[in-house]
Amino acid sequence: MIMQSPVLFGSIGSDLSQMAQDTAVRFSVDLPHFAAQCISFGIVAFLLHRYAYQPILAVLADRKQRIKESLDNAEQIKQELANTQAKTQEILVQAGQQATKMIDEARAAAAKVQEQETQKAIAAAQAIVDKARQATEAEHARMLAELRHEVGRLVVEATAKVTGKVLTLADQQRLAEETNRELAA
């Protein structure tokens, strides 16, 4: 079987050559025209490669670079956004803590003001009670003095009616003073 391989390839090569010649004759291939067409194709391929394919490749390379830069920028923006969100969260936490502290301070200040106002109100109420007590005592003293005077007058009148005589001013004063002493005791 090994011996048959070179013979086999040799017969295939001659068959292929014969087939190519038959095809060339059948399609009427003219070698000078074929060579001109190959040269024209080569020129068109060169021009397309030089003036169309390379600029398109350059545009694609530029676009690829811009896409890479955009992706890098997007990643950078994403990182900056994450940093900003972390800073924002930190600021919000700090603001919450400060707000809580301010609320606590305001409550403490309100409690202090309330205590001060309560003390002021208690002091004002005590002052009103003291003034009322003083006014009551003054009114009581005035009424007692008036009552003594009236009792003294009634005693003098009663004595004058009982004795049937007109009392002198000295007698009236003496009776009023005795009555006042008895009422005071």
C-alpha atoms as a PDB file:
ATOM      1  CA  MET A   1       0.000   0.000   0.000  1.00  0.00           C
ATOM      2  CA  ILE A   2       2.902   2.342   0.637  1.00  0.00           C
ATOM      3  CA  MET A   3       4.182   1.762  -2.839  1.00  0.00           C
ATOM      4  CA  GLN A   4       0.967   2.796  -4.450  1.00  0.00           C
ATOM      5  CA  SER A   5       0.916   6.313  -2.927  1.00  0.00           C
ATOM      6  CA  PRO A   6       3.448   8.019  -5.264  1.00  0.00           C
ATOM      7  CA  VAL A   7       1.813   6.471  -8.294  1.00  0.00           C
ATOM      8  CA  LEU A   8      -1.580   7.491  -7.052  1.00  0.00           C
ATOM      9  CA  PHE A   9      -0.476  11.128  -6.545  1.00  0.00           C
ATOM     10  CA  GLY A  10       1.152  11.200  -9.946  1.00  0.00           C
ATOM     11  CA  SER A  11      -2.009  10.065 -11.662  1.00  0.00           C
ATOM     12  CA  ILE A  12      -4.066  12.609  -9.699  1.00  0.00           C
ATOM     13  CA  GLY A  13      -1.723  15.423 -10.751  1.00  0.00           C
ATOM     14  CA  SER A  14      -2.003  14.571 -14.430  1.00  0.00           C
ATOM     15  CA  ASP A  15      -5.780  14.237 -14.116  1.00  0.00           C
ATOM     16  CA  LEU A  16      -6.002  17.681 -12.512  1.00  0.00           C
ATOM     17  CA  SER A  17      -3.833  19.180 -15.227  1.00  0.00           C
ATOM     18  CA  GLN A  18      -5.952  17.679 -17.921  1.00  0.00           C
ATOM     19  CA  MET A  19      -9.117  18.875 -16.176  1.00  0.00           C
ATOM     20  CA  ALA A  20      -7.728  22.440 -15.975  1.00  0.00           C
ATOM     21  CA  GLN A  21      -6.915  22.437 -19.657  1.00  0.00           C
ATOM     22  CA  ASP A  22     -10.363  21.083 -20.548  1.00  0.00           C
ATOM     23  CA  THR A  23     -11.995  23.765 -18.403  1.00  0.00           C
ATOM     24  CA  ALA A  24      -9.857  26.503 -19.985  1.00  0.00           C
ATOM     25  CA  VAL A  25     -10.813  25.383 -23.459  1.00  0.00           C
ATOM     26  CA  ARG A  26     -14.490  24.963 -22.592  1.00  0.00           C
ATOM     27  CA  PHE A  27     -14.747  28.480 -21.077  1.00  0.00           C
ATOM     28  CA  SER A  28     -12.406  29.896 -23.724  1.00  0.00           C
ATOM     29  CA  VAL A  29      -9.818  31.303 -21.320  1.00  0.00           C
ATOM     30  CA  ASP A  30      -7.492  33.681 -23.108  1.00  0.00           C
ATOM     31  CA  LEU A  31      -4.171  33.927 -21.281  1.00  0.00           C
ATOM     32  CA  PRO A  32      -3.359  37.581 -22.195  1.00  0.00           C
ATOM     33  CA  HIS A  33      -6.834  38.727 -21.120  1.00  0.00           C
ATOM     34  CA  PHE A  34      -6.608  36.611 -17.991  1.00  0.00           C
ATOM     35  CA  ALA A  35      -3.243  38.189 -17.109  1.00  0.00           C
ATOM     36  CA  ALA A  36      -4.678  41.678 -17.733  1.00  0.00           C
ATOM     37  CA  GLN A  37      -7.639  40.883 -15.525  1.00  0.00           C
ATOM     38  CA  CYS A  38      -5.308  39.599 -12.786  1.00  0.00           C
ATOM     39  CA  ILE A  39      -3.224  42.797 -13.040  1.00  0.00           C
ATOM     40  CA  SER A  40      -6.434  44.928 -12.950  1.00  0.00           C
ATOM     41  CA  PHE A  41      -7.680  42.955  -9.976  1.00  0.00           C
ATOM     42  CA  GLY A  42      -4.327  43.448  -8.246  1.00  0.00           C
ATOM     43  CA  ILE A  43      -4.435  47.213  -8.897  1.00  0.00           C
ATOM     44  CA  VAL A  44      -8.049  47.465  -7.667  1.00  0.00           C
ATOM     45  CA  ALA A  45      -7.194  45.323  -4.626  1.00  0.00           C
ATOM     46  CA  PHE A  46      -4.157  47.529  -3.892  1.00  0.00           C
ATOM     47  CA  LEU A  47      -6.191  50.757  -4.290  1.00  0.00           C
ATOM     48  CA  LEU A  48      -9.020  49.410  -2.176  1.00  0.00           C
ATOM     49  CA  HIS A  49      -6.555  48.264   0.458  1.00  0.00           C
ATOM     50  CA  ARG A  50      -4.711  51.562   0.426  1.00  0.00           C
ATOM     51  CA  TYR A  51      -7.575  54.063   0.153  1.00  0.00           C
ATOM     52  CA  ALA A  52     -10.605  52.213   1.516  1.00  0.00           C
ATOM     53  CA  TYR A  53      -9.591  49.344   3.753  1.00  0.00           C
ATOM     54  CA  GLN A  54      -6.847  51.170   5.713  1.00  0.00           C
ATOM     55  CA  PRO A  55      -9.017  54.271   6.450  1.00  0.00           C
ATOM     56  CA  ILE A  56     -11.847  51.985   7.520  1.00  0.00           C
ATOM     57  CA  LEU A  57      -9.400  50.124   9.766  1.00  0.00           C
ATOM     58  CA  ALA A  58      -8.159  53.474  11.104  1.00  0.00           C
ATOM     59  CA  VAL A  59     -11.752  54.565  11.828  1.00  0.00           C
ATOM     60  CA  LEU A  60     -12.440  51.234  13.490  1.00  0.00           C
ATOM     61  CA  ALA A  61      -9.230  51.504  15.542  1.00  0.00           C
ATOM     62  CA  ASP A  62     -10.172  55.065  16.527  1.00  0.00           C
ATOM     63  CA  ARG A  63     -13.683  53.949  17.447  1.00  0.00           C
ATOM     64  CA  LYS A  64     -12.224  51.027  19.409  1.00  0.00           C
ATOM     65  CA  GLN A  65      -9.943  53.472  21.266  1.00  0.00           C
ATOM     66  CA  ARG A  66     -12.858  55.820  22.010  1.00  0.00           C
ATOM     67  CA  ILE A  67     -14.972  52.912  23.242  1.00  0.00           C
ATOM     68  CA  LYS A  68     -12.094  51.815  25.489  1.00  0.00           C
ATOM     69  CA  GLU A  69     -11.729  55.377  26.797  1.00  0.00           C
ATOM     70  CA  SER A  70     -15.499  55.580  27.325  1.00  0.00           C
ATOM     71  CA  LEU A  71     -15.464  52.316  29.243  1.00  0.00           C
ATOM     72  CA  ASP A  72     -12.518  53.553  31.314  1.00  0.00           C
ATOM     73  CA  ASN A  73     -14.349  56.845  31.937  1.00  0.00           C
ATOM     74  CA  ALA A  74     -17.515  54.935  32.819  1.00  0.00           C
ATOM     75  CA  GLU A  75     -15.552  52.834  35.301  1.00  0.00           C
ATOM     76  CA  GLN A  76     -13.954  55.967  36.739  1.00  0.00           C
ATOM     77  CA  ILE A  77     -17.354  57.683  36.970  1.00  0.00           C
ATOM     78  CA  LYS A  78     -18.784  54.567  38.579  1.00  0.00           C
ATOM     79  CA  GLN A  79     -15.987  54.629  41.163  1.00  0.00           C
ATOM     80  CA  GLU A  80     -16.482  58.367  41.763  1.00  0.00           C
ATOM     81  CA  LEU A  81     -20.224  57.794  42.119  1.00  0.00           C
ATOM     82  CA  ALA A  82     -19.586  55.063  44.685  1.00  0.00           C
ATOM     83  CA  ASN A  83     -17.201  57.405  46.550  1.00  0.00           C
ATOM     84  CA  THR A  84     -19.745  60.233  46.370  1.00  0.00           C
ATOM     85  CA  GLN A  85     -22.502  57.963  47.642  1.00  0.00           C
ATOM     86  CA  ALA A  86     -20.268  56.831  50.509  1.00  0.00           C
ATOM     87  CA  LYS A  87     -19.454  60.463  51.350  1.00  0.00           C
ATOM     88  CA  THR A  88     -23.138  61.382  51.079  1.00  0.00           C
ATOM     89  CA  GLN A  89     -24.067  58.540  53.411  1.00  0.00           C
ATOM     90  CA  GLU A  90     -21.355  59.636  55.839  1.00  0.00           C
ATOM     91  CA  ILE A  91     -22.589  63.244  55.688  1.00  0.00           C
ATOM     92  CA  LEU A  92     -26.175  62.074  56.260  1.00  0.00           C
ATOM     93  CA  VAL A  93     -25.081  60.050  59.283  1.00  0.00           C
ATOM     94  CA  GLN A  94     -23.180  63.048  60.647  1.00  0.00           C
ATOM     95  CA  ALA A  95     -26.160  65.323  59.969  1.00  0.00           C
ATOM     96  CA  GLY A  96     -28.421  62.861  61.770  1.00  0.00           C
ATOM     97  CA  GLN A  97     -26.070  62.780  64.737  1.00  0.00           C
ATOM     98  CA  GLN A  98     -25.861  66.582  64.789  1.00  0.00           C
ATOM     99  CA  ALA A  99     -29.635  66.856  64.505  1.00  0.00           C
ATOM    100  CA  THR A 100     -30.055  64.418  67.397  1.00  0.00           C
ATOM    101  CA  LYS A 101     -27.521  66.377  69.425  1.00  0.00           C
ATOM    102  CA  MET A 102     -29.285  69.669  68.614  1.00  0.00           C
ATOM    103  CA  ILE A 103     -32.655  68.160  69.533  1.00  0.00           C
ATOM    104  CA  ASP A 104     -31.239  66.915  72.837  1.00  0.00           C
ATOM    105  CA  GLU A 105     -29.728  70.343  73.501  1.00  0.00           C
ATOM    106  CA  ALA A 106     -33.024  72.016  72.604  1.00  0.00           C
ATOM    107  CA  ARG A 107     -34.899  69.661  74.943  1.00  0.00           C
ATOM    108  CA  ALA A 108     -32.427  70.379  77.726  1.00  0.00           C
ATOM    109  CA  ALA A 109     -32.720  74.130  77.091  1.00  0.00           C
ATOM    110  CA  ALA A 110     -36.523  73.845  76.993  1.00  0.00           C
ATOM    111  CA  ALA A 111     -36.505  71.898  80.261  1.00  0.00           C
ATOM    112  CA  LYS A 112     -34.243  74.550  81.801  1.00  0.00           C
ATOM    113  CA  VAL A 113     -36.464  77.374  80.519  1.00  0.00           C
ATOM    114  CA  GLN A 114     -39.542  75.495  81.723  1.00  0.00           C
ATOM    115  CA  GLU A 115     -37.951  75.075  85.156  1.00  0.00           C
ATOM    116  CA  GLN A 116     -37.026  78.765  85.244  1.00  0.00           C
ATOM    117  CA  GLU A 117     -40.513  79.773  84.147  1.00  0.00           C
ATOM    118  CA  THR A 118     -42.000  77.399  86.712  1.00  0.00           C
ATOM    119  CA  GLN A 119     -39.844  78.986  89.407  1.00  0.00           C
ATOM    120  CA  LYS A 120     -40.882  82.441  88.199  1.00  0.00           C
ATOM    121  CA  ALA A 121     -44.534  81.393  88.231  1.00  0.00           C
ATOM    122  CA  ILE A 122     -44.167  79.913  91.717  1.00  0.00           C
ATOM    123  CA  ALA A 123     -42.452  83.111  92.899  1.00  0.00           C
ATOM    124  CA  ALA A 124     -45.166  85.236  91.267  1.00  0.00           C
ATOM    125  CA  ALA A 125     -47.891  83.078  92.828  1.00  0.00           C
ATOM    126  CA  GLN A 126     -46.175  83.312  96.206  1.00  0.00           C
ATOM    127  CA  ALA A 127     -45.959  87.096  95.817  1.00  0.00           C
ATOM    128  CA  ILE A 128     -49.666  87.210  94.977  1.00  0.00           C
ATOM    129  CA  VAL A 129     -50.469  85.012  97.999  1.00  0.00           C
ATOM    130  CA  ASP A 130     -48.286  87.214 100.222  1.00  0.00           C
ATOM    131  CA  LYS A 131     -49.975  90.381  98.922  1.00  0.00           C
ATOM    132  CA  ALA A 132     -53.375  88.777  99.414  1.00  0.00           C
ATOM    133  CA  ARG A 133     -52.402  87.742 102.949  1.00  0.00           C
ATOM    134  CA  GLN A 134     -51.173  91.259 103.683  1.00  0.00           C
ATOM    135  CA  ALA A 135     -54.334  92.729 102.204  1.00  0.00           C
ATOM    136  CA  THR A 136     -56.417  90.280 104.225  1.00  0.00           C
ATOM    137  CA  GLU A 137     -54.511  91.130 107.408  1.00  0.00           C
ATOM    138  CA  ALA A 138     -54.848  94.851 106.703  1.00  0.00           C
ATOM    139  CA  GLU A 139     -58.578  94.408 106.036  1.00  0.00           C
ATOM    140  CA  HIS A 140     -58.895  92.328 109.197  1.00  0.00           C
ATOM    141  CA  ALA A 141     -57.089  94.951 111.231  1.00  0.00           C
ATOM    142  CA  ARG A 142     -59.247  97.688 109.717  1.00  0.00           C
ATOM    143  CA  MET A 143     -62.413  95.719 110.415  1.00  0.00           C
ATOM    144  CA  LEU A 144     -61.279  95.045 114.000  1.00  0.00           C
ATOM    145  CA  ALA A 145     -60.577  98.735 114.501  1.00  0.00           C
ATOM    146  CA  GLU A 146     -63.967  99.568 113.014  1.00  0.00           C
ATOM    147  CA  LEU A 147     -65.615  96.892 115.133  1.00  0.00           C
ATOM    148  CA  ARG A 148     -63.957  98.239 118.293  1.00  0.00           C
ATOM    149  CA  HIS A 149     -65.030 101.705 117.419  1.00  0.00           C
ATOM    150  CA  GLU A 150     -68.599 100.531 116.771  1.00  0.00           C
ATOM    151  CA  VAL A 151     -68.666  98.387 119.933  1.00  0.00           C
ATOM    152  CA  GLY A 152     -67.318 101.339 121.913  1.00  0.00           C
ATOM    153  CA  ARG A 153     -69.982 103.592 120.471  1.00  0.00           C
ATOM    154  CA  LEU A 154     -72.700 101.014 121.205  1.00  0.00           C
ATOM    155  CA  VAL A 155     -71.429 100.588 124.769  1.00  0.00           C
ATOM    156  CA  VAL A 156     -71.489 104.362 125.265  1.00  0.00           C
ATOM    157  CA  GLU A 157     -75.026 104.575 123.850  1.00  0.00           C
ATOM    158  CA  ALA A 158     -76.180 101.606 125.874  1.00  0.00           C
ATOM    159  CA  THR A 159     -74.640 103.022 129.018  1.00  0.00           C
ATOM    160  CA  ALA A 160     -76.222 106.421 128.370  1.00  0.00           C
ATOM    161  CA  LYS A 161     -79.639 104.807 127.914  1.00  0.00           C
ATOM    162  CA  VAL A 162     -79.279 102.536 130.929  1.00  0.00           C
ATOM    163  CA  THR A 163     -78.080 105.291 133.239  1.00  0.00           C
ATOM    164  CA  GLY A 164     -80.367 107.849 131.751  1.00  0.00           C
ATOM    165  CA  LYS A 165     -77.801 110.566 131.767  1.00  0.00           C
ATOM    166  CA  VAL A 166     -75.797 112.256 129.089  1.00  0.00           C
ATOM    167  CA  LEU A 167     -72.176 111.155 129.165  1.00  0.00           C
ATOM    168  CA  THR A 168     -69.385 113.649 128.740  1.00  0.00           C
ATOM    169  CA  LEU A 169     -66.709 113.290 126.170  1.00  0.00           C
ATOM    170  CA  ALA A 170     -64.211 112.118 128.835  1.00  0.00           C
ATOM    171  CA  ASP A 171     -66.713 109.469 130.040  1.00  0.00           C
ATOM    172  CA  GLN A 172     -67.254 108.278 126.470  1.00  0.00           C
ATOM    173  CA  GLN A 173     -63.488 107.914 125.881  1.00  0.00           C
ATOM    174  CA  ARG A 174     -62.972 106.084 129.185  1.00  0.00           C
ATOM    175  CA  LEU A 175     -65.785 103.598 128.384  1.00  0.00           C
ATOM    176  CA  ALA A 176     -64.455 103.070 124.818  1.00  0.00           C
ATOM    177  CA  GLU A 177     -60.965 102.318 126.137  1.00  0.00           C
ATOM    178  CA  GLU A 178     -62.239  99.869 128.746  1.00  0.00           C
ATOM    179  CA  THR A 179     -64.303  98.098 126.125  1.00  0.00           C
ATOM    180  CA  ASN A 180     -61.308  97.885 123.777  1.00  0.00           C
ATOM    181  CA  ARG A 181     -59.162  96.393 126.547  1.00  0.00           C
ATOM    182  CA  GLU A 182     -61.775  93.771 127.311  1.00  0.00           C
ATOM    183  CA  LEU A 183     -62.171  92.908 123.611  1.00  0.00           C
ATOM    184  CA  ALA A 184     -58.397  92.660 123.144  1.00  0.00           C
ATOM    185  CA  ALA A 185     -58.082  90.222 126.069  1.00  0.00           C
END
